[in-house]
Amino acid sequence: MRARRRTSIAAATLTAVLAAVPLARADSDPASDVLPVQNVFVPYQPQVSQSLQQTLRAETAAAAKSGFPIKVAIVATAQDLGGVPDFFGKPQPYARYLGSEISFSKPQPLLVVMPSGLGTYQVPPKAAAVARGMTPGAGPDGMATTAVKTIEQMATAAGHKIGSYKAGGSGGGKSSTALIFAGPIVLLVIALVVFSYRRMGQEEEELEELRSGSG
């Protein structure tokens, strides 16, 4: 009876925890969960194309190398705001809200792109003026393209040229990614070859010893 009771309590507790997970996600601001560890937040649905996501991430990486670190939030619908949907259509107030959320030890420069416009947080005045003058493209891909252009123009306005820090186009980025993923595989193949070679050597030595003994 006690075992059944413990099993029932455990099952009920697990059910309650699983039920609470969607509620916790619904009450959160998704971008504030992503941006502390990544430079770019993009909508879950509808999605930004993979090629544009890579371009946007490469742009933020190049900007950081040039001395103009920036994080980007693409907000296509109110659903992208999780528990704070009232900020939709208000890019500048949301930029201040999100910027304060992701700034822990120091202020974190931020660019927010919504269908209604762009907002910034903790960027130089000239860079902020550039963002205010930009018109977002249509849809998630259009907004992502606008973000790429805006980052470059903002950096230039702030005195940072990021063109020389880019990785030579999408081809170079793909090659680098391929090398990153292929590296461990190559090392594994080399290790297997070395192991097989040594094993073959040991077997040959054992065979020679057996032959010598039998002789």
N, C-alpha and C. Protein backbone atom coordinates (compact mmCIF):
# COMPACT_ATOMS: atom_id res chain seq x y z
N MET A 1 0.82 -1.21 0.00
CA MET A 1 0.00 0.00 0.00
C MET A 1 0.85 1.26 0.00
N ARG A 2 1.93 1.23 0.83
CA ARG A 2 2.81 2.40 0.87
C ARG A 2 3.49 2.64 -0.47
N ALA A 3 3.89 1.53 -1.10
CA ALA A 3 4.56 1.66 -2.40
C ALA A 3 3.61 2.28 -3.43
N ARG A 4 2.33 1.83 -3.41
CA ARG A 4 1.36 2.39 -4.35
C ARG A 4 1.12 3.87 -4.08
N ARG A 5 1.09 4.21 -2.78
CA ARG A 5 0.85 5.61 -2.42
C ARG A 5 2.00 6.50 -2.88
N ARG A 6 3.25 5.99 -2.68
CA ARG A 6 4.41 6.78 -3.12
C ARG A 6 4.40 6.95 -4.64
N THR A 7 4.00 5.88 -5.35
CA THR A 7 3.93 5.95 -6.82
C THR A 7 2.88 6.96 -7.26
N SER A 8 1.72 6.98 -6.58
CA SER A 8 0.66 7.93 -6.93
C SER A 8 1.09 9.36 -6.69
N ILE A 9 1.75 9.58 -5.55
CA ILE A 9 2.23 10.94 -5.23
C ILE A 9 3.26 11.40 -6.26
N ALA A 10 4.16 10.50 -6.62
CA ALA A 10 5.19 10.84 -7.61
C ALA A 10 4.57 11.18 -8.95
N ALA A 11 3.58 10.38 -9.35
CA ALA A 11 2.91 10.62 -10.63
C ALA A 11 2.18 11.96 -10.62
N ALA A 12 1.51 12.27 -9.52
CA ALA A 12 0.78 13.53 -9.41
C ALA A 12 1.73 14.72 -9.44
N THR A 13 2.87 14.57 -8.76
CA THR A 13 3.86 15.65 -8.74
C THR A 13 4.42 15.89 -10.13
N LEU A 14 4.73 14.80 -10.86
CA LEU A 14 5.26 14.93 -12.21
C LEU A 14 4.26 15.60 -13.13
N THR A 15 2.99 15.22 -13.01
CA THR A 15 1.93 15.83 -13.83
C THR A 15 1.84 17.33 -13.57
N ALA A 16 1.93 17.71 -12.30
CA ALA A 16 1.84 19.13 -11.95
C ALA A 16 3.02 19.91 -12.51
N VAL A 17 4.21 19.30 -12.43
CA VAL A 17 5.41 19.97 -12.95
C VAL A 17 5.30 20.16 -14.45
N LEU A 18 4.89 19.10 -15.17
CA LEU A 18 4.77 19.18 -16.62
C LEU A 18 3.71 20.20 -17.02
N ALA A 19 2.66 20.30 -16.27
CA ALA A 19 1.60 21.27 -16.57
C ALA A 19 2.08 22.69 -16.35
N ALA A 20 3.01 22.86 -15.41
CA ALA A 20 3.50 24.20 -15.09
C ALA A 20 4.50 24.71 -16.09
N VAL A 21 5.14 23.80 -16.85
CA VAL A 21 6.18 24.23 -17.79
C VAL A 21 5.65 25.17 -18.85
N PRO A 22 4.53 24.83 -19.56
CA PRO A 22 4.01 25.77 -20.56
C PRO A 22 3.63 27.11 -19.95
N LEU A 23 3.09 27.08 -18.70
CA LEU A 23 2.72 28.35 -18.08
C LEU A 23 3.93 29.21 -17.82
N ALA A 24 5.02 28.60 -17.38
CA ALA A 24 6.24 29.36 -17.12
C ALA A 24 6.77 29.98 -18.39
N ARG A 25 6.72 29.19 -19.50
CA ARG A 25 7.20 29.72 -20.78
C ARG A 25 6.31 30.86 -21.25
N ALA A 26 4.99 30.72 -21.02
CA ALA A 26 4.07 31.74 -21.49
C ALA A 26 4.26 33.05 -20.73
N ASP A 27 4.72 32.98 -19.47
CA ASP A 27 4.88 34.17 -18.66
C ASP A 27 6.22 34.86 -18.89
N SER A 28 7.11 34.23 -19.62
CA SER A 28 8.45 34.78 -19.80
C SER A 28 8.53 35.61 -21.06
N ASP A 29 9.64 36.33 -21.18
CA ASP A 29 9.95 37.08 -22.39
C ASP A 29 11.01 36.26 -23.14
N PRO A 30 10.65 35.59 -24.23
CA PRO A 30 11.59 34.67 -24.90
C PRO A 30 12.93 35.30 -25.25
N ALA A 31 12.92 36.53 -25.74
CA ALA A 31 14.18 37.16 -26.14
C ALA A 31 15.13 37.33 -24.96
N SER A 32 14.58 37.59 -23.77
CA SER A 32 15.44 37.77 -22.60
C SER A 32 16.07 36.46 -22.14
N ASP A 33 15.50 35.33 -22.59
CA ASP A 33 16.10 34.02 -22.30
C ASP A 33 17.21 33.68 -23.29
N VAL A 34 17.05 34.16 -24.52
CA VAL A 34 17.99 33.80 -25.60
C VAL A 34 19.20 34.72 -25.64
N LEU A 35 18.99 36.02 -25.55
CA LEU A 35 20.05 36.99 -25.81
C LEU A 35 21.20 36.99 -24.79
N PRO A 36 21.02 36.57 -23.55
CA PRO A 36 22.19 36.50 -22.67
C PRO A 36 23.28 35.55 -23.16
N VAL A 37 22.90 34.56 -23.98
CA VAL A 37 23.89 33.58 -24.45
C VAL A 37 24.08 33.62 -25.96
N GLN A 38 23.26 34.38 -26.68
CA GLN A 38 23.39 34.50 -28.13
C GLN A 38 23.26 35.96 -28.53
N ASN A 39 23.72 36.28 -29.74
CA ASN A 39 23.64 37.66 -30.21
C ASN A 39 22.32 37.99 -30.90
N VAL A 40 21.59 36.95 -31.32
CA VAL A 40 20.41 37.18 -32.16
C VAL A 40 19.21 36.38 -31.65
N PHE A 41 18.08 37.06 -31.55
CA PHE A 41 16.81 36.38 -31.30
C PHE A 41 15.94 36.55 -32.53
N VAL A 42 15.41 35.43 -33.04
CA VAL A 42 14.53 35.47 -34.21
C VAL A 42 13.21 34.80 -33.86
N PRO A 43 12.14 35.13 -34.59
CA PRO A 43 10.83 34.52 -34.29
C PRO A 43 10.86 33.01 -34.49
N TYR A 44 10.05 32.32 -33.70
CA TYR A 44 9.89 30.87 -33.88
C TYR A 44 8.97 30.59 -35.07
N GLN A 45 7.89 31.34 -35.19
CA GLN A 45 6.95 31.23 -36.30
C GLN A 45 6.36 32.60 -36.58
N PRO A 46 6.37 33.06 -37.84
CA PRO A 46 7.09 32.50 -38.99
C PRO A 46 8.60 32.71 -38.82
N GLN A 47 9.38 31.81 -39.38
CA GLN A 47 10.81 31.82 -39.16
C GLN A 47 11.55 32.70 -40.16
N VAL A 48 12.70 33.18 -39.73
CA VAL A 48 13.66 33.82 -40.63
C VAL A 48 14.43 32.71 -41.33
N SER A 49 14.69 32.87 -42.63
CA SER A 49 15.41 31.84 -43.37
C SER A 49 16.77 31.58 -42.74
N GLN A 50 17.24 30.34 -42.86
CA GLN A 50 18.51 29.96 -42.25
C GLN A 50 19.67 30.79 -42.77
N SER A 51 19.67 31.08 -44.07
CA SER A 51 20.77 31.85 -44.65
C SER A 51 20.83 33.26 -44.06
N LEU A 52 19.65 33.86 -43.85
CA LEU A 52 19.62 35.20 -43.25
C LEU A 52 19.98 35.16 -41.78
N GLN A 53 19.60 34.10 -41.09
CA GLN A 53 20.03 33.96 -39.69
C GLN A 53 21.55 33.91 -39.59
N GLN A 54 22.18 33.15 -40.48
CA GLN A 54 23.63 33.05 -40.48
C GLN A 54 24.26 34.40 -40.80
N THR A 55 23.67 35.11 -41.78
CA THR A 55 24.20 36.43 -42.15
C THR A 55 24.10 37.40 -40.98
N LEU A 56 22.97 37.37 -40.29
CA LEU A 56 22.75 38.27 -39.17
C LEU A 56 23.71 37.97 -38.02
N ARG A 57 23.92 36.70 -37.75
CA ARG A 57 24.87 36.33 -36.69
C ARG A 57 26.30 36.72 -37.07
N ALA A 58 26.64 36.53 -38.34
CA ALA A 58 27.98 36.92 -38.80
C ALA A 58 28.15 38.43 -38.69
N GLU A 59 27.09 39.17 -38.97
CA GLU A 59 27.16 40.64 -38.90
C GLU A 59 27.38 41.11 -37.46
N THR A 60 26.68 40.50 -36.51
CA THR A 60 26.87 40.89 -35.12
C THR A 60 28.26 40.51 -34.62
N ALA A 61 28.77 39.37 -35.10
CA ALA A 61 30.13 38.95 -34.71
C ALA A 61 31.16 39.92 -35.27
N ALA A 62 30.99 40.32 -36.53
CA ALA A 62 31.91 41.27 -37.14
C ALA A 62 31.83 42.62 -36.45
N ALA A 63 30.61 43.03 -36.08
CA ALA A 63 30.45 44.30 -35.38
C ALA A 63 31.18 44.29 -34.04
N ALA A 64 31.07 43.17 -33.32
CA ALA A 64 31.75 43.06 -32.03
C ALA A 64 33.26 43.14 -32.20
N LYS A 65 33.80 42.50 -33.24
CA LYS A 65 35.24 42.55 -33.49
C LYS A 65 35.71 43.95 -33.81
N SER A 66 34.83 44.73 -34.43
CA SER A 66 35.20 46.10 -34.79
C SER A 66 35.09 47.06 -33.61
N GLY A 67 34.59 46.57 -32.48
CA GLY A 67 34.42 47.43 -31.31
C GLY A 67 33.02 47.96 -31.13
N PHE A 68 32.06 47.37 -31.86
CA PHE A 68 30.67 47.80 -31.77
C PHE A 68 29.78 46.59 -31.45
N PRO A 69 29.86 46.06 -30.22
CA PRO A 69 29.03 44.90 -29.87
C PRO A 69 27.55 45.28 -29.86
N ILE A 70 26.73 44.38 -30.39
CA ILE A 70 25.31 44.66 -30.46
C ILE A 70 24.54 43.34 -30.48
N LYS A 71 23.43 43.30 -29.77
CA LYS A 71 22.52 42.15 -29.84
C LYS A 71 21.26 42.59 -30.56
N VAL A 72 20.59 41.61 -31.19
CA VAL A 72 19.45 41.94 -32.05
C VAL A 72 18.25 41.06 -31.69
N ALA A 73 17.08 41.67 -31.61
CA ALA A 73 15.83 40.95 -31.41
C ALA A 73 14.88 41.26 -32.56
N ILE A 74 14.53 40.23 -33.33
CA ILE A 74 13.55 40.38 -34.40
C ILE A 74 12.20 39.94 -33.83
N VAL A 75 11.26 40.85 -33.77
CA VAL A 75 9.94 40.58 -33.18
C VAL A 75 8.89 40.75 -34.27
N ALA A 76 8.42 39.62 -34.80
CA ALA A 76 7.49 39.67 -35.93
C ALA A 76 6.03 39.75 -35.51
N THR A 77 5.70 39.12 -34.36
CA THR A 77 4.32 39.12 -33.88
C THR A 77 4.32 39.29 -32.36
N ALA A 78 3.14 39.53 -31.81
CA ALA A 78 3.02 39.68 -30.36
C ALA A 78 3.40 38.40 -29.63
N GLN A 79 3.26 37.25 -30.29
CA GLN A 79 3.62 35.98 -29.67
C GLN A 79 5.11 35.90 -29.35
N ASP A 80 5.93 36.63 -30.10
CA ASP A 80 7.37 36.63 -29.85
C ASP A 80 7.72 37.30 -28.52
N LEU A 81 6.75 38.01 -27.94
CA LEU A 81 6.99 38.73 -26.69
C LEU A 81 6.57 37.94 -25.46
N GLY A 82 6.05 36.74 -25.65
CA GLY A 82 5.69 35.91 -24.51
C GLY A 82 4.71 36.58 -23.59
N GLY A 83 5.13 36.80 -22.35
CA GLY A 83 4.25 37.36 -21.33
C GLY A 83 4.14 38.88 -21.33
N VAL A 84 4.80 39.55 -22.30
CA VAL A 84 4.70 41.02 -22.36
C VAL A 84 4.22 41.47 -23.75
N PRO A 85 3.08 40.95 -24.23
CA PRO A 85 2.62 41.28 -25.60
C PRO A 85 2.24 42.73 -25.79
N ASP A 86 2.03 43.46 -24.70
CA ASP A 86 1.64 44.87 -24.82
C ASP A 86 2.73 45.72 -25.45
N PHE A 87 3.96 45.21 -25.48
CA PHE A 87 5.05 45.96 -26.09
C PHE A 87 5.05 45.87 -27.62
N PHE A 88 4.20 44.99 -28.18
CA PHE A 88 4.21 44.85 -29.64
C PHE A 88 3.75 46.15 -30.30
N GLY A 89 4.49 46.58 -31.31
CA GLY A 89 4.22 47.85 -31.96
C GLY A 89 4.88 49.02 -31.27
N LYS A 90 5.68 48.74 -30.21
CA LYS A 90 6.38 49.79 -29.46
C LYS A 90 7.86 49.42 -29.35
N PRO A 91 8.60 49.50 -30.46
CA PRO A 91 9.99 49.01 -30.47
C PRO A 91 10.91 49.72 -29.49
N GLN A 92 10.75 51.03 -29.32
CA GLN A 92 11.66 51.74 -28.41
C GLN A 92 11.39 51.41 -26.94
N PRO A 93 10.14 51.46 -26.47
CA PRO A 93 9.90 51.03 -25.08
C PRO A 93 10.32 49.59 -24.83
N TYR A 94 10.09 48.72 -25.82
CA TYR A 94 10.48 47.32 -25.62
C TYR A 94 12.00 47.18 -25.60
N ALA A 95 12.69 47.96 -26.42
CA ALA A 95 14.15 47.92 -26.41
C ALA A 95 14.69 48.30 -25.03
N ARG A 96 14.09 49.31 -24.41
CA ARG A 96 14.53 49.69 -23.06
C ARG A 96 14.24 48.58 -22.05
N TYR A 97 13.05 47.98 -22.19
CA TYR A 97 12.67 46.89 -21.29
C TYR A 97 13.60 45.68 -21.45
N LEU A 98 13.76 45.23 -22.69
CA LEU A 98 14.59 44.06 -22.95
C LEU A 98 16.05 44.33 -22.63
N GLY A 99 16.52 45.53 -22.96
CA GLY A 99 17.91 45.88 -22.67
C GLY A 99 18.21 45.80 -21.19
N SER A 100 17.29 46.28 -20.37
CA SER A 100 17.51 46.20 -18.92
C SER A 100 17.45 44.76 -18.43
N GLU A 101 16.66 43.92 -19.11
CA GLU A 101 16.54 42.52 -18.72
C GLU A 101 17.84 41.75 -18.98
N ILE A 102 18.54 42.07 -20.06
CA ILE A 102 19.73 41.29 -20.43
C ILE A 102 21.03 41.96 -19.99
N SER A 103 20.94 43.12 -19.38
CA SER A 103 22.13 43.82 -18.90
C SER A 103 22.35 43.46 -17.43
N PHE A 104 23.32 42.60 -17.18
CA PHE A 104 23.58 42.15 -15.82
C PHE A 104 24.72 42.96 -15.19
N SER A 105 25.93 42.71 -15.62
CA SER A 105 27.08 43.41 -15.04
C SER A 105 27.34 44.75 -15.70
N LYS A 106 26.84 44.93 -16.93
CA LYS A 106 27.05 46.20 -17.63
C LYS A 106 25.94 46.38 -18.68
N PRO A 107 25.69 47.60 -19.13
CA PRO A 107 24.66 47.82 -20.15
C PRO A 107 24.99 47.06 -21.42
N GLN A 108 23.97 46.46 -22.03
CA GLN A 108 24.15 45.67 -23.24
C GLN A 108 23.51 46.38 -24.43
N PRO A 109 24.32 46.87 -25.40
CA PRO A 109 23.75 47.50 -26.59
C PRO A 109 22.80 46.55 -27.31
N LEU A 110 21.68 47.10 -27.78
CA LEU A 110 20.63 46.25 -28.33
C LEU A 110 19.92 46.96 -29.47
N LEU A 111 19.54 46.16 -30.48
CA LEU A 111 18.70 46.64 -31.58
C LEU A 111 17.46 45.77 -31.64
N VAL A 112 16.28 46.39 -31.63
CA VAL A 112 15.01 45.69 -31.74
C VAL A 112 14.37 46.07 -33.08
N VAL A 113 13.91 45.06 -33.81
CA VAL A 113 13.24 45.31 -35.08
C VAL A 113 11.83 44.73 -35.02
N MET A 114 10.83 45.60 -35.21
CA MET A 114 9.43 45.20 -35.28
C MET A 114 8.85 45.68 -36.61
N PRO A 115 7.70 45.17 -37.01
CA PRO A 115 7.08 45.67 -38.25
C PRO A 115 6.83 47.18 -38.23
N SER A 116 6.63 47.72 -37.03
CA SER A 116 6.30 49.15 -36.91
C SER A 116 7.53 50.05 -36.85
N GLY A 117 8.72 49.48 -36.70
CA GLY A 117 9.92 50.32 -36.62
C GLY A 117 11.02 49.65 -35.83
N LEU A 118 12.06 50.44 -35.52
CA LEU A 118 13.23 49.93 -34.81
C LEU A 118 13.42 50.69 -33.50
N GLY A 119 13.99 50.00 -32.53
CA GLY A 119 14.32 50.61 -31.26
C GLY A 119 15.73 50.22 -30.85
N THR A 120 16.35 51.02 -30.00
CA THR A 120 17.72 50.74 -29.57
C THR A 120 17.86 50.95 -28.07
N TYR A 121 18.95 50.37 -27.56
CA TYR A 121 19.25 50.51 -26.13
C TYR A 121 20.76 50.61 -25.97
N GLN A 122 21.21 51.62 -25.26
CA GLN A 122 22.62 51.81 -24.92
C GLN A 122 23.53 51.82 -26.14
N VAL A 123 23.12 52.52 -27.19
CA VAL A 123 24.00 52.75 -28.34
C VAL A 123 24.26 54.25 -28.44
N PRO A 124 25.37 54.67 -29.09
CA PRO A 124 25.65 56.10 -29.22
C PRO A 124 24.51 56.84 -29.93
N PRO A 125 24.33 58.13 -29.64
CA PRO A 125 23.21 58.89 -30.24
C PRO A 125 23.17 58.84 -31.76
N LYS A 126 24.34 58.93 -32.43
CA LYS A 126 24.34 58.88 -33.89
C LYS A 126 23.87 57.53 -34.40
N ALA A 127 24.25 56.47 -33.71
CA ALA A 127 23.81 55.13 -34.10
C ALA A 127 22.31 54.98 -33.87
N ALA A 128 21.81 55.51 -32.77
CA ALA A 128 20.37 55.45 -32.49
C ALA A 128 19.57 56.20 -33.55
N ALA A 129 20.12 57.32 -34.02
CA ALA A 129 19.44 58.11 -35.05
C ALA A 129 19.35 57.33 -36.36
N VAL A 130 20.38 56.56 -36.66
CA VAL A 130 20.35 55.72 -37.86
C VAL A 130 19.20 54.72 -37.78
N ALA A 131 19.08 54.06 -36.64
CA ALA A 131 18.02 53.06 -36.46
C ALA A 131 16.64 53.69 -36.59
N ARG A 132 16.46 54.87 -36.01
CA ARG A 132 15.16 55.53 -36.09
C ARG A 132 14.78 55.87 -37.53
N GLY A 133 15.77 56.07 -38.38
CA GLY A 133 15.50 56.44 -39.77
C GLY A 133 15.28 55.26 -40.70
N MET A 134 15.40 54.05 -40.20
CA MET A 134 15.25 52.86 -41.05
C MET A 134 13.80 52.39 -41.07
N THR A 135 13.38 51.88 -42.23
CA THR A 135 12.04 51.31 -42.38
C THR A 135 12.16 49.79 -42.50
N PRO A 136 11.52 49.02 -41.61
CA PRO A 136 11.65 47.56 -41.65
C PRO A 136 11.09 46.96 -42.93
N GLY A 137 11.76 45.94 -43.44
CA GLY A 137 11.24 45.20 -44.58
C GLY A 137 10.05 44.36 -44.18
N ALA A 138 9.35 43.82 -45.17
CA ALA A 138 8.15 43.03 -44.90
C ALA A 138 8.50 41.62 -44.46
N GLY A 139 7.81 41.14 -43.45
CA GLY A 139 7.98 39.77 -42.98
C GLY A 139 9.28 39.58 -42.22
N PRO A 140 9.46 38.39 -41.62
CA PRO A 140 10.67 38.12 -40.84
C PRO A 140 11.95 38.28 -41.65
N ASP A 141 11.97 37.79 -42.89
CA ASP A 141 13.18 37.94 -43.71
C ASP A 141 13.46 39.41 -44.02
N GLY A 142 12.41 40.16 -44.29
CA GLY A 142 12.60 41.58 -44.56
C GLY A 142 13.14 42.32 -43.34
N MET A 143 12.64 41.97 -42.16
CA MET A 143 13.12 42.60 -40.93
C MET A 143 14.56 42.20 -40.63
N ALA A 144 14.91 40.94 -40.91
CA ALA A 144 16.28 40.49 -40.69
C ALA A 144 17.25 41.20 -41.64
N THR A 145 16.83 41.37 -42.89
CA THR A 145 17.66 42.10 -43.86
C THR A 145 17.85 43.54 -43.41
N THR A 146 16.79 44.16 -42.91
CA THR A 146 16.89 45.51 -42.38
C THR A 146 17.86 45.57 -41.21
N ALA A 147 17.82 44.57 -40.35
CA ALA A 147 18.73 44.53 -39.20
C ALA A 147 20.19 44.48 -39.64
N VAL A 148 20.48 43.66 -40.66
CA VAL A 148 21.86 43.56 -41.16
C VAL A 148 22.35 44.92 -41.67
N LYS A 149 21.52 45.57 -42.47
CA LYS A 149 21.89 46.89 -43.01
C LYS A 149 22.04 47.92 -41.89
N THR A 150 21.12 47.86 -40.94
CA THR A 150 21.14 48.84 -39.85
C THR A 150 22.38 48.71 -38.98
N ILE A 151 22.77 47.47 -38.68
CA ILE A 151 23.96 47.26 -37.85
C ILE A 151 25.18 47.90 -38.50
N GLU A 152 25.34 47.66 -39.79
CA GLU A 152 26.52 48.21 -40.48
C GLU A 152 26.49 49.74 -40.47
N GLN A 153 25.33 50.32 -40.73
CA GLN A 153 25.23 51.78 -40.76
C GLN A 153 25.37 52.38 -39.35
N MET A 154 24.84 51.69 -38.36
CA MET A 154 25.00 52.15 -36.98
C MET A 154 26.47 52.14 -36.56
N ALA A 155 27.15 51.06 -36.91
CA ALA A 155 28.56 50.95 -36.55
C ALA A 155 29.37 52.06 -37.22
N THR A 156 29.09 52.31 -38.50
CA THR A 156 29.80 53.37 -39.22
C THR A 156 29.54 54.73 -38.57
N ALA A 157 28.27 54.98 -38.21
CA ALA A 157 27.93 56.24 -37.57
C ALA A 157 28.64 56.41 -36.24
N ALA A 158 28.92 55.29 -35.57
CA ALA A 158 29.61 55.33 -34.28
C ALA A 158 31.13 55.30 -34.42
N GLY A 159 31.60 55.29 -35.68
CA GLY A 159 33.04 55.33 -35.91
C GLY A 159 33.71 53.97 -36.00
N HIS A 160 32.93 52.93 -36.33
CA HIS A 160 33.49 51.58 -36.43
C HIS A 160 33.19 51.01 -37.81
N LYS A 161 34.22 50.69 -38.56
CA LYS A 161 34.06 50.08 -39.88
C LYS A 161 34.11 48.57 -39.72
N ILE A 162 33.00 47.90 -40.01
CA ILE A 162 32.98 46.46 -39.77
C ILE A 162 33.19 45.64 -41.05
N GLY A 163 33.26 46.31 -42.21
CA GLY A 163 33.41 45.57 -43.47
C GLY A 163 34.63 44.69 -43.50
N SER A 164 35.76 45.17 -42.97
CA SER A 164 37.01 44.40 -43.02
C SER A 164 37.00 43.22 -42.05
N TYR A 165 36.01 43.16 -41.16
CA TYR A 165 35.96 42.06 -40.18
C TYR A 165 35.05 40.93 -40.62
N LYS A 166 34.42 41.08 -41.78
CA LYS A 166 33.54 40.03 -42.26
C LYS A 166 34.36 38.87 -42.81
N ALA A 167 33.74 37.68 -42.79
CA ALA A 167 34.48 36.45 -43.12
C ALA A 167 34.49 36.15 -44.61
N GLY A 168 34.41 37.16 -45.45
CA GLY A 168 34.54 36.92 -46.88
C GLY A 168 33.31 36.32 -47.53
N GLY A 169 32.11 36.63 -47.03
CA GLY A 169 30.89 36.18 -47.69
C GLY A 169 30.39 34.86 -47.13
N SER A 170 29.25 34.44 -47.70
CA SER A 170 28.59 33.24 -47.18
C SER A 170 29.39 31.98 -47.45
N GLY A 171 30.15 31.96 -48.54
CA GLY A 171 30.94 30.78 -48.85
C GLY A 171 31.95 30.50 -47.77
N GLY A 172 32.64 31.58 -47.31
CA GLY A 172 33.63 31.41 -46.25
C GLY A 172 32.99 30.94 -44.97
N GLY A 173 31.78 31.48 -44.67
CA GLY A 173 31.09 31.06 -43.46
C GLY A 173 30.72 29.60 -43.51
N LYS A 174 30.25 29.14 -44.68
CA LYS A 174 29.89 27.74 -44.81
C LYS A 174 31.12 26.85 -44.68
N SER A 175 32.24 27.29 -45.26
CA SER A 175 33.46 26.50 -45.17
C SER A 175 33.91 26.37 -43.74
N SER A 176 33.83 27.50 -42.98
CA SER A 176 34.24 27.46 -41.58
C SER A 176 33.36 26.53 -40.79
N THR A 177 32.05 26.61 -41.05
CA THR A 177 31.12 25.73 -40.34
C THR A 177 31.39 24.27 -40.66
N ALA A 178 31.68 24.00 -41.93
CA ALA A 178 31.97 22.62 -42.33
C ALA A 178 33.22 22.11 -41.64
N LEU A 179 34.23 22.97 -41.53
CA LEU A 179 35.46 22.57 -40.86
C LEU A 179 35.23 22.29 -39.38
N ILE A 180 34.40 23.12 -38.75
CA ILE A 180 34.11 22.94 -37.33
C ILE A 180 33.47 21.59 -37.08
N PHE A 181 32.51 21.22 -37.91
CA PHE A 181 31.82 19.95 -37.72
C PHE A 181 32.66 18.77 -38.21
N ALA A 182 33.48 19.00 -39.24
CA ALA A 182 34.28 17.90 -39.79
C ALA A 182 35.49 17.59 -38.93
N GLY A 183 35.98 18.60 -38.18
CA GLY A 183 37.19 18.40 -37.38
C GLY A 183 37.14 17.20 -36.47
N PRO A 184 36.13 17.07 -35.60
CA PRO A 184 36.06 15.91 -34.70
C PRO A 184 35.99 14.60 -35.45
N ILE A 185 35.30 14.57 -36.61
CA ILE A 185 35.19 13.34 -37.38
C ILE A 185 36.55 12.93 -37.92
N VAL A 186 37.32 13.92 -38.43
CA VAL A 186 38.65 13.64 -38.95
C VAL A 186 39.54 13.08 -37.84
N LEU A 187 39.48 13.72 -36.66
CA LEU A 187 40.29 13.25 -35.54
C LEU A 187 39.91 11.82 -35.14
N LEU A 188 38.60 11.51 -35.18
CA LEU A 188 38.15 10.17 -34.84
C LEU A 188 38.67 9.14 -35.84
N VAL A 189 38.63 9.50 -37.13
CA VAL A 189 39.13 8.59 -38.16
C VAL A 189 40.63 8.34 -37.97
N ILE A 190 41.38 9.42 -37.69
CA ILE A 190 42.82 9.27 -37.47
C ILE A 190 43.09 8.36 -36.29
N ALA A 191 42.31 8.56 -35.19
CA ALA A 191 42.49 7.74 -34.00
C ALA A 191 42.22 6.26 -34.31
N LEU A 192 41.16 6.01 -35.09
CA LEU A 192 40.83 4.63 -35.45
C LEU A 192 41.92 4.00 -36.31
N VAL A 193 42.47 4.79 -37.24
CA VAL A 193 43.55 4.28 -38.09
C VAL A 193 44.77 3.93 -37.27
N VAL A 194 45.13 4.83 -36.34
CA VAL A 194 46.29 4.59 -35.48
C VAL A 194 46.07 3.35 -34.62
N PHE A 195 44.86 3.23 -34.05
CA PHE A 195 44.55 2.08 -33.21
C PHE A 195 44.65 0.78 -34.02
N SER A 196 44.07 0.80 -35.23
CA SER A 196 44.10 -0.40 -36.08
C SER A 196 45.53 -0.76 -36.45
N TYR A 197 46.32 0.28 -36.76
CA TYR A 197 47.72 0.03 -37.14
C TYR A 197 48.49 -0.62 -35.99
N ARG A 198 48.28 -0.08 -34.78
CA ARG A 198 48.97 -0.64 -33.62
C ARG A 198 48.48 -2.06 -33.34
N ARG A 199 47.18 -2.28 -33.50
CA ARG A 199 46.62 -3.60 -33.24
C ARG A 199 47.18 -4.63 -34.22
N MET A 200 47.29 -4.21 -35.47
CA MET A 200 47.86 -5.11 -36.47
C MET A 200 49.31 -5.45 -36.14
N GLY A 201 50.05 -4.45 -35.65
CA GLY A 201 51.44 -4.68 -35.27
C GLY A 201 51.55 -5.67 -34.13
N GLN A 202 50.64 -5.52 -33.13
CA GLN A 202 50.65 -6.45 -32.00
C GLN A 202 50.32 -7.87 -32.45
N GLU A 203 49.35 -8.00 -33.34
CA GLU A 203 48.98 -9.32 -33.82
C GLU A 203 50.12 -9.97 -34.58
N GLU A 204 50.83 -9.17 -35.38
CA GLU A 204 51.97 -9.71 -36.12
C GLU A 204 53.06 -10.17 -35.16
N GLU A 205 53.30 -9.37 -34.10
CA GLU A 205 54.32 -9.77 -33.12
C GLU A 205 53.92 -11.06 -32.41
N GLU A 206 52.62 -11.17 -32.02
CA GLU A 206 52.16 -12.38 -31.37
C GLU A 206 52.28 -13.58 -32.29
N LEU A 207 51.98 -13.39 -33.58
CA LEU A 207 52.09 -14.48 -34.53
C LEU A 207 53.52 -14.94 -34.69
N GLU A 208 54.45 -13.97 -34.72
CA GLU A 208 55.86 -14.30 -34.83
C GLU A 208 56.34 -15.08 -33.61
N GLU A 209 55.86 -14.65 -32.42
CA GLU A 209 56.25 -15.36 -31.19
C GLU A 209 55.76 -16.81 -31.21
N LEU A 210 54.51 -17.00 -31.70
CA LEU A 210 53.96 -18.34 -31.77
C LEU A 210 54.76 -19.20 -32.75
N ARG A 211 55.12 -18.61 -33.88
CA ARG A 211 55.91 -19.33 -34.85
C ARG A 211 57.28 -19.72 -34.29
N SER A 212 57.89 -18.74 -33.56
CA SER A 212 59.20 -19.01 -32.98
C SER A 212 59.12 -20.13 -31.95
N GLY A 213 58.04 -20.10 -31.14
CA GLY A 213 57.88 -21.11 -30.10
C GLY A 213 57.65 -22.49 -30.68
N SER A 214 56.86 -22.54 -31.75
CA SER A 214 56.56 -23.83 -32.35
C SER A 214 57.76 -24.41 -33.07
N GLY A 215 58.66 -23.48 -33.52
CA GLY A 215 59.86 -23.95 -34.21
C GLY A 215 60.84 -24.51 -33.23
